[in-house]
Amino acid sequence: MPIPKINITNPEAIELIRKIQSGEIYIPIKAWWQKYKWFTIAGFVIVILLIALAIGKKASEKTPLPVFIPPEIEDVVPTEQIIIKSEFSALKEEIQSINTDLPDPFIPVYDNAINLEEAVY
């Protein structure tokens, strides 16, 4: 079956076909691209980064959180203390055994005869 030939008679369609064939229709698109080229590239980069973040988030949600268990603590063995006696050992023990508690404060005697309104001359 032969393909029928289509004759275009609409003057606007003929003008549009002529502009497409000559490349005249691409001039405004090229001017827009040159004006907004870096904004468009930055937008594509941001979209790619957002997609990467979404994929990373989904991947991290699927992996379980690692559980860190501290190592076992060995029993602490106290070190042997070597007691050295010297001529000042008794003095050291006396100083360490001094009672540092303060004595009760002295309570003054209450005197009714004191008149605070009298002036001292």
PDB file of N, CA and C in Angstrom:
ATOM      1  N   MET A   1       0.838  -1.147   0.000  1.00  0.00           N
ATOM      2  CA  MET A   1       0.000   0.000   0.000  1.00  0.00           C
ATOM      3  C   MET A   1       0.903   1.235   0.000  1.00  0.00           C
ATOM      4  N   PRO A   2       0.761   2.089  -0.945  1.00  0.00           N
ATOM      5  CA  PRO A   2       1.607   3.270  -1.032  1.00  0.00           C
ATOM      6  C   PRO A   2       1.216   4.293   0.028  1.00  0.00           C
ATOM      7  N   ILE A   3       2.225   5.044   0.455  1.00  0.00           N
ATOM      8  CA  ILE A   3       1.991   6.091   1.448  1.00  0.00           C
ATOM      9  C   ILE A   3       1.458   7.318   0.719  1.00  0.00           C
ATOM     10  N   PRO A   4       0.311   7.785   1.176  1.00  0.00           N
ATOM     11  CA  PRO A   4      -0.237   8.959   0.482  1.00  0.00           C
ATOM     12  C   PRO A   4       0.585  10.198   0.799  1.00  0.00           C
ATOM     13  N   LYS A   5       0.747  11.057  -0.177  1.00  0.00           N
ATOM     14  CA  LYS A   5       1.480  12.290  -0.005  1.00  0.00           C
ATOM     15  C   LYS A   5       0.540  13.315   0.592  1.00  0.00           C
ATOM     16  N   ILE A   6       1.059  13.979   1.660  1.00  0.00           N
ATOM     17  CA  ILE A   6       0.235  14.953   2.359  1.00  0.00           C
ATOM     18  C   ILE A   6       0.660  16.332   1.877  1.00  0.00           C
ATOM     19  N   ASN A   7      -0.285  17.072   1.412  1.00  0.00           N
ATOM     20  CA  ASN A   7      -0.024  18.451   0.992  1.00  0.00           C
ATOM     21  C   ASN A   7      -0.472  19.377   2.112  1.00  0.00           C
ATOM     22  N   ILE A   8       0.444  20.218   2.571  1.00  0.00           N
ATOM     23  CA  ILE A   8       0.126  21.168   3.633  1.00  0.00           C
ATOM     24  C   ILE A   8      -0.200  22.485   2.965  1.00  0.00           C
ATOM     25  N   THR A   9      -1.383  22.992   3.290  1.00  0.00           N
ATOM     26  CA  THR A   9      -1.824  24.232   2.660  1.00  0.00           C
ATOM     27  C   THR A   9      -1.977  25.365   3.667  1.00  0.00           C
ATOM     28  N   ASN A  10      -1.830  25.050   4.942  1.00  0.00           N
ATOM     29  CA  ASN A  10      -1.984  26.077   5.975  1.00  0.00           C
ATOM     30  C   ASN A  10      -0.741  26.969   5.941  1.00  0.00           C
ATOM     31  N   PRO A  11      -0.901  28.284   5.791  1.00  0.00           N
ATOM     32  CA  PRO A  11       0.266  29.162   5.691  1.00  0.00           C
ATOM     33  C   PRO A  11       1.067  29.220   7.009  1.00  0.00           C
ATOM     34  N   GLU A  12       0.414  29.105   8.159  1.00  0.00           N
ATOM     35  CA  GLU A  12       1.138  29.117   9.439  1.00  0.00           C
ATOM     36  C   GLU A  12       1.980  27.856   9.585  1.00  0.00           C
ATOM     37  N   ALA A  13       1.453  26.727   9.161  1.00  0.00           N
ATOM     38  CA  ALA A  13       2.201  25.471   9.239  1.00  0.00           C
ATOM     39  C   ALA A  13       3.381  25.508   8.284  1.00  0.00           C
ATOM     40  N   ILE A  14       3.178  26.059   7.107  1.00  0.00           N
ATOM     41  CA  ILE A  14       4.265  26.167   6.132  1.00  0.00           C
ATOM     42  C   ILE A  14       5.367  27.066   6.677  1.00  0.00           C
ATOM     43  N   GLU A  15       4.994  28.154   7.313  1.00  0.00           N
ATOM     44  CA  GLU A  15       5.980  29.070   7.913  1.00  0.00           C
ATOM     45  C   GLU A  15       6.746  28.373   9.051  1.00  0.00           C
ATOM     46  N   LEU A  16       6.048  27.606   9.876  1.00  0.00           N
ATOM     47  CA  LEU A  16       6.685  26.884  10.975  1.00  0.00           C
ATOM     48  C   LEU A  16       7.668  25.834  10.438  1.00  0.00           C
ATOM     49  N   ILE A  17       7.304  25.106   9.402  1.00  0.00           N
ATOM     50  CA  ILE A  17       8.198  24.113   8.803  1.00  0.00           C
ATOM     51  C   ILE A  17       9.433  24.791   8.227  1.00  0.00           C
ATOM     52  N   ARG A  18       9.264  25.935   7.591  1.00  0.00           N
ATOM     53  CA  ARG A  18      10.388  26.673   7.034  1.00  0.00           C
ATOM     54  C   ARG A  18      11.332  27.131   8.142  1.00  0.00           C
ATOM     55  N   LYS A  19      10.776  27.596   9.291  1.00  0.00           N
ATOM     56  CA  LYS A  19      11.617  28.038  10.417  1.00  0.00           C
ATOM     57  C   LYS A  19      12.382  26.863  11.020  1.00  0.00           C
ATOM     58  N   ILE A  20      11.744  25.696  11.124  1.00  0.00           N
ATOM     59  CA  ILE A  20      12.416  24.527  11.673  1.00  0.00           C
ATOM     60  C   ILE A  20      13.540  24.080  10.749  1.00  0.00           C
ATOM     61  N   GLN A  21      13.293  24.049   9.444  1.00  0.00           N
ATOM     62  CA  GLN A  21      14.307  23.615   8.485  1.00  0.00           C
ATOM     63  C   GLN A  21      15.489  24.581   8.422  1.00  0.00           C
ATOM     64  N   SER A  22      15.230  25.872   8.567  1.00  0.00           N
ATOM     65  CA  SER A  22      16.331  26.844   8.491  1.00  0.00           C
ATOM     66  C   SER A  22      17.043  27.005   9.835  1.00  0.00           C
ATOM     67  N   GLY A  23      16.448  26.540  10.928  1.00  0.00           N
ATOM     68  CA  GLY A  23      17.066  26.655  12.248  1.00  0.00           C
ATOM     69  C   GLY A  23      16.738  27.973  12.929  1.00  0.00           C
ATOM     70  N   GLU A  24      15.863  28.744  12.339  1.00  0.00           N
ATOM     71  CA  GLU A  24      15.494  30.049  12.902  1.00  0.00           C
ATOM     72  C   GLU A  24      14.724  29.900  14.213  1.00  0.00           C
ATOM     73  N   ILE A  25      14.024  28.810  14.389  1.00  0.00           N
ATOM     74  CA  ILE A  25      13.228  28.605  15.598  1.00  0.00           C
ATOM     75  C   ILE A  25      14.111  28.307  16.807  1.00  0.00           C
ATOM     76  N   TYR A  26      15.345  27.846  16.566  1.00  0.00           N
ATOM     77  CA  TYR A  26      16.234  27.495  17.670  1.00  0.00           C
ATOM     78  C   TYR A  26      17.002  28.691  18.221  1.00  0.00           C
ATOM     79  N   ILE A  27      16.937  29.836  17.584  1.00  0.00           N
ATOM     80  CA  ILE A  27      17.677  31.026  18.036  1.00  0.00           C
ATOM     81  C   ILE A  27      17.209  31.482  19.426  1.00  0.00           C
ATOM     82  N   PRO A  28      15.902  31.605  19.707  1.00  0.00           N
ATOM     83  CA  PRO A  28      15.500  32.000  21.075  1.00  0.00           C
ATOM     84  C   PRO A  28      15.882  30.952  22.127  1.00  0.00           C
ATOM     85  N   ILE A  29      15.820  29.679  21.749  1.00  0.00           N
ATOM     86  CA  ILE A  29      16.207  28.626  22.706  1.00  0.00           C
ATOM     87  C   ILE A  29      17.701  28.712  22.997  1.00  0.00           C
ATOM     88  N   LYS A  30      18.507  28.962  21.954  1.00  0.00           N
ATOM     89  CA  LYS A  30      19.950  29.093  22.128  1.00  0.00           C
ATOM     90  C   LYS A  30      20.276  30.322  22.976  1.00  0.00           C
ATOM     91  N   ALA A  31      19.574  31.421  22.768  1.00  0.00           N
ATOM     92  CA  ALA A  31      19.809  32.634  23.564  1.00  0.00           C
ATOM     93  C   ALA A  31      19.437  32.393  25.022  1.00  0.00           C
ATOM     94  N   TRP A  32      18.306  31.695  25.251  1.00  0.00           N
ATOM     95  CA  TRP A  32      17.911  31.390  26.628  1.00  0.00           C
ATOM     96  C   TRP A  32      18.952  30.489  27.280  1.00  0.00           C
ATOM     97  N   TRP A  33      19.453  29.491  26.547  1.00  0.00           N
ATOM     98  CA  TRP A  33      20.448  28.574  27.091  1.00  0.00           C
ATOM     99  C   TRP A  33      21.728  29.313  27.466  1.00  0.00           C
ATOM    100  N   GLN A  34      22.175  30.232  26.619  1.00  0.00           N
ATOM    101  CA  GLN A  34      23.396  30.978  26.928  1.00  0.00           C
ATOM    102  C   GLN A  34      23.198  31.888  28.139  1.00  0.00           C
ATOM    103  N   LYS A  35      21.993  32.406  28.295  1.00  0.00           N
ATOM    104  CA  LYS A  35      21.724  33.299  29.423  1.00  0.00           C
ATOM    105  C   LYS A  35      21.613  32.536  30.740  1.00  0.00           C
ATOM    106  N   TYR A  36      20.955  31.388  30.737  1.00  0.00           N
ATOM    107  CA  TYR A  36      20.678  30.635  31.966  1.00  0.00           C
ATOM    108  C   TYR A  36      21.424  29.308  32.036  1.00  0.00           C
ATOM    109  N   LYS A  37      22.542  29.196  31.324  1.00  0.00           N
ATOM    110  CA  LYS A  37      23.284  27.940  31.250  1.00  0.00           C
ATOM    111  C   LYS A  37      23.759  27.493  32.631  1.00  0.00           C
ATOM    112  N   TRP A  38      24.379  28.380  33.403  1.00  0.00           N
ATOM    113  CA  TRP A  38      24.948  27.985  34.697  1.00  0.00           C
ATOM    114  C   TRP A  38      23.866  27.702  35.732  1.00  0.00           C
ATOM    115  N   PHE A  39      22.754  28.430  35.646  1.00  0.00           N
ATOM    116  CA  PHE A  39      21.649  28.129  36.560  1.00  0.00           C
ATOM    117  C   PHE A  39      21.071  26.744  36.272  1.00  0.00           C
ATOM    118  N   THR A  40      20.976  26.408  34.987  1.00  0.00           N
ATOM    119  CA  THR A  40      20.436  25.106  34.611  1.00  0.00           C
ATOM    120  C   THR A  40      21.384  23.984  35.045  1.00  0.00           C
ATOM    121  N   ILE A  41      22.678  24.173  34.815  1.00  0.00           N
ATOM    122  CA  ILE A  41      23.658  23.156  35.218  1.00  0.00           C
ATOM    123  C   ILE A  41      23.654  22.990  36.741  1.00  0.00           C
ATOM    124  N   ALA A  42      23.606  24.107  37.476  1.00  0.00           N
ATOM    125  CA  ALA A  42      23.562  24.034  38.942  1.00  0.00           C
ATOM    126  C   ALA A  42      22.295  23.322  39.407  1.00  0.00           C
ATOM    127  N   GLY A  43      21.182  23.587  38.742  1.00  0.00           N
ATOM    128  CA  GLY A  43      19.935  22.902  39.088  1.00  0.00           C
ATOM    129  C   GLY A  43      20.035  21.404  38.872  1.00  0.00           C
ATOM    130  N   PHE A  44      20.645  20.992  37.754  1.00  0.00           N
ATOM    131  CA  PHE A  44      20.831  19.559  37.505  1.00  0.00           C
ATOM    132  C   PHE A  44      21.738  18.936  38.555  1.00  0.00           C
ATOM    133  N   VAL A  45      22.798  19.639  38.943  1.00  0.00           N
ATOM    134  CA  VAL A  45      23.711  19.105  39.967  1.00  0.00           C
ATOM    135  C   VAL A  45      22.983  18.947  41.293  1.00  0.00           C
ATOM    136  N   ILE A  46      22.181  19.928  41.666  1.00  0.00           N
ATOM    137  CA  ILE A  46      21.422  19.855  42.927  1.00  0.00           C
ATOM    138  C   ILE A  46      20.426  18.696  42.890  1.00  0.00           C
ATOM    139  N   VAL A  47      19.764  18.525  41.768  1.00  0.00           N
ATOM    140  CA  VAL A  47      18.809  17.414  41.646  1.00  0.00           C
ATOM    141  C   VAL A  47      19.530  16.073  41.771  1.00  0.00           C
ATOM    142  N   ILE A  48      20.697  15.942  41.138  1.00  0.00           N
ATOM    143  CA  ILE A  48      21.469  14.695  41.226  1.00  0.00           C
ATOM    144  C   ILE A  48      21.910  14.444  42.668  1.00  0.00           C
ATOM    145  N   LEU A  49      22.353  15.504  43.371  1.00  0.00           N
ATOM    146  CA  LEU A  49      22.766  15.336  44.764  1.00  0.00           C
ATOM    147  C   LEU A  49      21.582  14.932  45.649  1.00  0.00           C
ATOM    148  N   LEU A  50      20.421  15.521  45.422  1.00  0.00           N
ATOM    149  CA  LEU A  50      19.243  15.152  46.208  1.00  0.00           C
ATOM    150  C   LEU A  50      18.841  13.699  45.952  1.00  0.00           C
ATOM    151  N   ILE A  51      18.949  13.259  44.699  1.00  0.00           N
ATOM    152  CA  ILE A  51      18.639  11.861  44.390  1.00  0.00           C
ATOM    153  C   ILE A  51      19.646  10.944  45.084  1.00  0.00           C
ATOM    154  N   ALA A  52      20.931  11.338  45.075  1.00  0.00           N
ATOM    155  CA  ALA A  52      21.954  10.530  45.748  1.00  0.00           C
ATOM    156  C   ALA A  52      21.696  10.469  47.250  1.00  0.00           C
ATOM    157  N   LEU A  53      21.286  11.588  47.852  1.00  0.00           N
ATOM    158  CA  LEU A  53      20.959  11.580  49.287  1.00  0.00           C
ATOM    159  C   LEU A  53      19.780  10.661  49.587  1.00  0.00           C
ATOM    160  N   ALA A  54      18.763  10.697  48.742  1.00  0.00           N
ATOM    161  CA  ALA A  54      17.600   9.836  48.961  1.00  0.00           C
ATOM    162  C   ALA A  54      17.986   8.363  48.842  1.00  0.00           C
ATOM    163  N   ILE A  55      18.819   8.034  47.854  1.00  0.00           N
ATOM    164  CA  ILE A  55      19.252   6.645  47.696  1.00  0.00           C
ATOM    165  C   ILE A  55      20.111   6.225  48.888  1.00  0.00           C
ATOM    166  N   GLY A  56      21.008   7.109  49.342  1.00  0.00           N
ATOM    167  CA  GLY A  56      21.852   6.792  50.498  1.00  0.00           C
ATOM    168  C   GLY A  56      21.041   6.606  51.765  1.00  0.00           C
ATOM    169  N   LYS A  57      20.004   7.417  51.926  1.00  0.00           N
ATOM    170  CA  LYS A  57      19.161   7.289  53.114  1.00  0.00           C
ATOM    171  C   LYS A  57      18.427   5.947  53.105  1.00  0.00           C
ATOM    172  N   LYS A  58      17.901   5.577  51.949  1.00  0.00           N
ATOM    173  CA  LYS A  58      17.205   4.281  51.858  1.00  0.00           C
ATOM    174  C   LYS A  58      18.170   3.129  52.121  1.00  0.00           C
ATOM    175  N   ALA A  59      19.389   3.241  51.602  1.00  0.00           N
ATOM    176  CA  ALA A  59      20.369   2.170  51.814  1.00  0.00           C
ATOM    177  C   ALA A  59      20.786   2.091  53.271  1.00  0.00           C
ATOM    178  N   SER A  60      20.924   3.249  53.938  1.00  0.00           N
ATOM    179  CA  SER A  60      21.337   3.227  55.342  1.00  0.00           C
ATOM    180  C   SER A  60      20.214   2.755  56.256  1.00  0.00           C
ATOM    181  N   GLU A  61      18.980   2.959  55.862  1.00  0.00           N
ATOM    182  CA  GLU A  61      17.863   2.472  56.687  1.00  0.00           C
ATOM    183  C   GLU A  61      17.774   0.951  56.653  1.00  0.00           C
ATOM    184  N   LYS A  62      18.237   0.338  55.567  1.00  0.00           N
ATOM    185  CA  LYS A  62      18.145  -1.117  55.457  1.00  0.00           C
ATOM    186  C   LYS A  62      19.230  -1.829  56.249  1.00  0.00           C
ATOM    187  N   THR A  63      20.365  -1.172  56.464  1.00  0.00           N
ATOM    188  CA  THR A  63      21.446  -1.822  57.211  1.00  0.00           C
ATOM    189  C   THR A  63      21.207  -1.622  58.702  1.00  0.00           C
ATOM    190  N   PRO A  64      21.376  -2.673  59.500  1.00  0.00           N
ATOM    191  CA  PRO A  64      21.149  -2.528  60.950  1.00  0.00           C
ATOM    192  C   PRO A  64      22.277  -1.718  61.591  1.00  0.00           C
ATOM    193  N   LEU A  65      21.943  -1.084  62.699  1.00  0.00           N
ATOM    194  CA  LEU A  65      22.938  -0.303  63.420  1.00  0.00           C
ATOM    195  C   LEU A  65      23.940  -1.239  64.082  1.00  0.00           C
ATOM    196  N   PRO A  66      25.209  -0.903  64.023  1.00  0.00           N
ATOM    197  CA  PRO A  66      26.201  -1.772  64.676  1.00  0.00           C
ATOM    198  C   PRO A  66      26.107  -1.641  66.193  1.00  0.00           C
ATOM    199  N   VAL A  67      26.323  -2.753  66.863  1.00  0.00           N
ATOM    200  CA  VAL A  67      26.284  -2.773  68.322  1.00  0.00           C
ATOM    201  C   VAL A  67      27.720  -2.933  68.812  1.00  0.00           C
ATOM    202  N   PHE A  68      28.165  -1.970  69.582  1.00  0.00           N
ATOM    203  CA  PHE A  68      29.518  -2.014  70.104  1.00  0.00           C
ATOM    204  C   PHE A  68      29.472  -2.491  71.550  1.00  0.00           C
ATOM    205  N   ILE A  69      30.133  -3.590  71.811  1.00  0.00           N
ATOM    206  CA  ILE A  69      30.193  -4.153  73.154  1.00  0.00           C
ATOM    207  C   ILE A  69      31.606  -3.921  73.678  1.00  0.00           C
ATOM    208  N   PRO A  70      31.728  -3.319  74.847  1.00  0.00           N
ATOM    209  CA  PRO A  70      33.074  -3.088  75.383  1.00  0.00           C
ATOM    210  C   PRO A  70      33.745  -4.410  75.728  1.00  0.00           C
ATOM    211  N   PRO A  71      35.051  -4.439  75.691  1.00  0.00           N
ATOM    212  CA  PRO A  71      35.745  -5.690  76.021  1.00  0.00           C
ATOM    213  C   PRO A  71      35.575  -6.032  77.493  1.00  0.00           C
ATOM    214  N   GLU A  72      35.715  -7.278  77.772  1.00  0.00           N
ATOM    215  CA  GLU A  72      35.607  -7.736  79.156  1.00  0.00           C
ATOM    216  C   GLU A  72      36.734  -7.132  79.988  1.00  0.00           C
ATOM    217  N   ILE A  73      36.387  -6.671  81.172  1.00  0.00           N
ATOM    218  CA  ILE A  73      37.383  -6.079  82.065  1.00  0.00           C
ATOM    219  C   ILE A  73      37.949  -7.193  82.941  1.00  0.00           C
ATOM    220  N   GLU A  74      39.231  -7.290  82.946  1.00  0.00           N
ATOM    221  CA  GLU A  74      39.867  -8.318  83.761  1.00  0.00           C
ATOM    222  C   GLU A  74      39.732  -7.945  85.232  1.00  0.00           C
ATOM    223  N   ASP A  75      39.814  -8.979  86.082  1.00  0.00           N
ATOM    224  CA  ASP A  75      39.758  -8.719  87.520  1.00  0.00           C
ATOM    225  C   ASP A  75      40.974  -7.899  87.931  1.00  0.00           C
ATOM    226  N   VAL A  76      40.694  -6.893  88.714  1.00  0.00           N
ATOM    227  CA  VAL A  76      41.775  -6.025  89.158  1.00  0.00           C
ATOM    228  C   VAL A  76      42.448  -6.668  90.370  1.00  0.00           C
ATOM    229  N   VAL A  77      43.707  -6.882  90.243  1.00  0.00           N
ATOM    230  CA  VAL A  77      44.480  -7.469  91.336  1.00  0.00           C
ATOM    231  C   VAL A  77      45.224  -6.337  92.023  1.00  0.00           C
ATOM    232  N   PRO A  78      44.986  -6.135  93.312  1.00  0.00           N
ATOM    233  CA  PRO A  78      45.687  -5.039  93.984  1.00  0.00           C
ATOM    234  C   PRO A  78      47.188  -5.323  94.038  1.00  0.00           C
ATOM    235  N   THR A  79      47.928  -4.260  93.880  1.00  0.00           N
ATOM    236  CA  THR A  79      49.382  -4.413  93.940  1.00  0.00           C
ATOM    237  C   THR A  79      49.818  -4.551  95.392  1.00  0.00           C
ATOM    238  N   GLU A  80      50.899  -5.221  95.561  1.00  0.00           N
ATOM    239  CA  GLU A  80      51.412  -5.406  96.912  1.00  0.00           C
ATOM    240  C   GLU A  80      52.031  -4.102  97.384  1.00  0.00           C
ATOM    241  N   GLN A  81      51.642  -3.705  98.589  1.00  0.00           N
ATOM    242  CA  GLN A  81      52.202  -2.482  99.148  1.00  0.00           C
ATOM    243  C   GLN A  81      53.334  -2.860 100.096  1.00  0.00           C
ATOM    244  N   ILE A  82      54.453  -2.277  99.823  1.00  0.00           N
ATOM    245  CA  ILE A  82      55.604  -2.526 100.685  1.00  0.00           C
ATOM    246  C   ILE A  82      55.610  -1.445 101.754  1.00  0.00           C
ATOM    247  N   ILE A  83      55.532  -1.858 102.987  1.00  0.00           N
ATOM    248  CA  ILE A  83      55.514  -0.907 104.100  1.00  0.00           C
ATOM    249  C   ILE A  83      56.953  -0.628 104.510  1.00  0.00           C
ATOM    250  N   ILE A  84      57.294   0.631 104.442  1.00  0.00           N
ATOM    251  CA  ILE A  84      58.650   1.044 104.817  1.00  0.00           C
ATOM    252  C   ILE A  84      58.556   1.786 106.142  1.00  0.00           C
ATOM    253  N   LYS A  85      59.294   1.334 107.113  1.00  0.00           N
ATOM    254  CA  LYS A  85      59.317   1.990 108.424  1.00  0.00           C
ATOM    255  C   LYS A  85      60.527   2.910 108.478  1.00  0.00           C
ATOM    256  N   SER A  86      60.283   4.116 108.959  1.00  0.00           N
ATOM    257  CA  SER A  86      61.394   5.050 109.148  1.00  0.00           C
ATOM    258  C   SER A  86      61.248   5.683 110.524  1.00  0.00           C
ATOM    259  N   GLU A  87      62.163   6.545 110.847  1.00  0.00           N
ATOM    260  CA  GLU A  87      62.103   7.190 112.168  1.00  0.00           C
ATOM    261  C   GLU A  87      60.964   8.202 112.254  1.00  0.00           C
ATOM    262  N   PHE A  88      60.399   8.604 111.093  1.00  0.00           N
ATOM    263  CA  PHE A  88      59.312   9.577 111.104  1.00  0.00           C
ATOM    264  C   PHE A  88      57.942   8.927 110.922  1.00  0.00           C
ATOM    265  N   SER A  89      57.887   7.604 110.899  1.00  0.00           N
ATOM    266  CA  SER A  89      56.606   6.917 110.705  1.00  0.00           C
ATOM    267  C   SER A  89      55.633   7.222 111.833  1.00  0.00           C
ATOM    268  N   ALA A  90      56.112   7.266 113.050  1.00  0.00           N
ATOM    269  CA  ALA A  90      55.227   7.552 114.186  1.00  0.00           C
ATOM    270  C   ALA A  90      54.697   8.974 114.085  1.00  0.00           C
ATOM    271  N   LEU A  91      55.540   9.929 113.688  1.00  0.00           N
ATOM    272  CA  LEU A  91      55.103  11.312 113.527  1.00  0.00           C
ATOM    273  C   LEU A  91      54.059  11.421 112.420  1.00  0.00           C
ATOM    274  N   LYS A  92      54.259  10.694 111.352  1.00  0.00           N
ATOM    275  CA  LYS A  92      53.295  10.698 110.247  1.00  0.00           C
ATOM    276  C   LYS A  92      51.947  10.169 110.718  1.00  0.00           C
ATOM    277  N   GLU A  93      51.943   9.096 111.478  1.00  0.00           N
ATOM    278  CA  GLU A  93      50.698   8.534 111.985  1.00  0.00           C
ATOM    279  C   GLU A  93      50.007   9.483 112.943  1.00  0.00           C
ATOM    280  N   GLU A  94      50.769  10.204 113.765  1.00  0.00           N
ATOM    281  CA  GLU A  94      50.167  11.191 114.669  1.00  0.00           C
ATOM    282  C   GLU A  94      49.499  12.309 113.885  1.00  0.00           C
ATOM    283  N   ILE A  95      50.173  12.795 112.855  1.00  0.00           N
ATOM    284  CA  ILE A  95      49.598  13.888 112.051  1.00  0.00           C
ATOM    285  C   ILE A  95      48.339  13.415 111.351  1.00  0.00           C
ATOM    286  N   GLN A  96      48.337  12.198 110.844  1.00  0.00           N
ATOM    287  CA  GLN A  96      47.165  11.690 110.147  1.00  0.00           C
ATOM    288  C   GLN A  96      46.008  11.423 111.102  1.00  0.00           C
ATOM    289  N   SER A  97      46.292  11.177 112.375  1.00  0.00           N
ATOM    290  CA  SER A  97      45.222  10.869 113.320  1.00  0.00           C
ATOM    291  C   SER A  97      44.765  12.089 114.120  1.00  0.00           C
ATOM    292  N   ILE A  98      45.232  13.293 113.792  1.00  0.00           N
ATOM    293  CA  ILE A  98      44.789  14.492 114.515  1.00  0.00           C
ATOM    294  C   ILE A  98      43.316  14.728 114.221  1.00  0.00           C
ATOM    295  N   ASN A  99      42.580  15.052 115.294  1.00  0.00           N
ATOM    296  CA  ASN A  99      41.169  15.357 115.148  1.00  0.00           C
ATOM    297  C   ASN A  99      41.034  16.789 114.630  1.00  0.00           C
ATOM    298  N   THR A 100      40.406  16.945 113.465  1.00  0.00           N
ATOM    299  CA  THR A 100      40.276  18.276 112.851  1.00  0.00           C
ATOM    300  C   THR A 100      38.922  18.906 113.122  1.00  0.00           C
ATOM    301  N   ASP A 101      38.101  18.289 113.967  1.00  0.00           N
ATOM    302  CA  ASP A 101      36.804  18.876 114.296  1.00  0.00           C
ATOM    303  C   ASP A 101      37.015  20.126 115.130  1.00  0.00           C
ATOM    304  N   LEU A 102      36.257  21.161 114.808  1.00  0.00           N
ATOM    305  CA  LEU A 102      36.346  22.408 115.578  1.00  0.00           C
ATOM    306  C   LEU A 102      35.560  22.258 116.873  1.00  0.00           C
ATOM    307  N   PRO A 103      35.994  22.919 117.936  1.00  0.00           N
ATOM    308  CA  PRO A 103      35.238  22.842 119.191  1.00  0.00           C
ATOM    309  C   PRO A 103      33.955  23.660 119.070  1.00  0.00           C
ATOM    310  N   ASP A 104      33.038  23.409 119.992  1.00  0.00           N
ATOM    311  CA  ASP A 104      31.808  24.185 120.005  1.00  0.00           C
ATOM    312  C   ASP A 104      32.136  25.644 120.265  1.00  0.00           C
ATOM    313  N   PRO A 105      31.434  26.562 119.574  1.00  0.00           N
ATOM    314  CA  PRO A 105      31.723  27.990 119.812  1.00  0.00           C
ATOM    315  C   PRO A 105      31.257  28.419 121.204  1.00  0.00           C
ATOM    316  N   PHE A 106      31.899  29.449 121.712  1.00  0.00           N
ATOM    317  CA  PHE A 106      31.572  29.990 123.025  1.00  0.00           C
ATOM    318  C   PHE A 106      30.284  30.780 122.908  1.00  0.00           C
ATOM    319  N   ILE A 107      29.303  30.449 123.727  1.00  0.00           N
ATOM    320  CA  ILE A 107      28.017  31.148 123.706  1.00  0.00           C
ATOM    321  C   ILE A 107      28.089  32.263 124.750  1.00  0.00           C
ATOM    322  N   PRO A 108      27.928  33.525 124.331  1.00  0.00           N
ATOM    323  CA  PRO A 108      28.016  34.625 125.314  1.00  0.00           C
ATOM    324  C   PRO A 108      26.822  34.619 126.268  1.00  0.00           C
ATOM    325  N   VAL A 109      27.052  35.214 127.429  1.00  0.00           N
ATOM    326  CA  VAL A 109      26.008  35.293 128.448  1.00  0.00           C
ATOM    327  C   VAL A 109      25.050  36.408 128.053  1.00  0.00           C
ATOM    328  N   TYR A 110      23.738  36.145 128.206  1.00  0.00           N
ATOM    329  CA  TYR A 110      22.743  37.145 127.872  1.00  0.00           C
ATOM    330  C   TYR A 110      22.612  38.126 129.029  1.00  0.00           C
ATOM    331  N   ASP A 111      22.702  39.437 128.710  1.00  0.00           N
ATOM    332  CA  ASP A 111      22.636  40.467 129.754  1.00  0.00           C
ATOM    333  C   ASP A 111      21.496  41.410 129.414  1.00  0.00           C
ATOM    334  N   ASN A 112      20.458  41.487 130.301  1.00  0.00           N
ATOM    335  CA  ASN A 112      19.323  42.377 130.081  1.00  0.00           C
ATOM    336  C   ASN A 112      19.675  43.836 130.343  1.00  0.00           C
ATOM    337  N   ALA A 113      20.747  44.110 131.037  1.00  0.00           N
ATOM    338  CA  ALA A 113      21.081  45.461 131.414  1.00  0.00           C
ATOM    339  C   ALA A 113      21.666  46.259 130.248  1.00  0.00           C
ATOM    340  N   ILE A 114      22.003  45.618 129.169  1.00  0.00           N
ATOM    341  CA  ILE A 114      22.584  46.328 128.028  1.00  0.00           C
ATOM    342  C   ILE A 114      21.468  47.066 127.317  1.00  0.00           C
ATOM    343  N   ASN A 115      21.676  48.372 127.144  1.00  0.00           N
ATOM    344  CA  ASN A 115      20.709  49.203 126.455  1.00  0.00           C
ATOM    345  C   ASN A 115      21.376  49.725 125.182  1.00  0.00           C
ATOM    346  N   LEU A 116      20.888  49.329 124.058  1.00  0.00           N
ATOM    347  CA  LEU A 116      21.517  49.737 122.810  1.00  0.00           C
ATOM    348  C   LEU A 116      21.157  51.158 122.394  1.00  0.00           C
ATOM    349  N   GLU A 117      20.172  51.768 123.065  1.00  0.00           N
ATOM    350  CA  GLU A 117      19.784  53.117 122.704  1.00  0.00           C
ATOM    351  C   GLU A 117      20.663  54.160 123.384  1.00  0.00           C
ATOM    352  N   GLU A 118      21.383  53.785 124.396  1.00  0.00           N
ATOM    353  CA  GLU A 118      22.264  54.747 125.060  1.00  0.00           C
ATOM    354  C   GLU A 118      23.430  55.072 124.160  1.00  0.00           C
ATOM    355  N   ALA A 119      23.770  56.318 124.095  1.00  0.00           N
ATOM    356  CA  ALA A 119      24.912  56.743 123.291  1.00  0.00           C
ATOM    357  C   ALA A 119      26.142  56.715 124.147  1.00  0.00           C
ATOM    358  N   VAL A 120      27.208  56.315 123.596  1.00  0.00           N
ATOM    359  CA  VAL A 120      28.470  56.267 124.323  1.00  0.00           C
ATOM    360  C   VAL A 120      29.216  57.562 124.011  1.00  0.00           C
ATOM    361  N   TYR A 121      29.590  58.323 125.141  1.00  0.00           N
ATOM    362  CA  TYR A 121      30.305  59.612 124.955  1.00  0.00           C
ATOM    363  C   TYR A 121      31.683  59.513 125.417  1.00  0.00           C
TER     364      TYR A 121
END
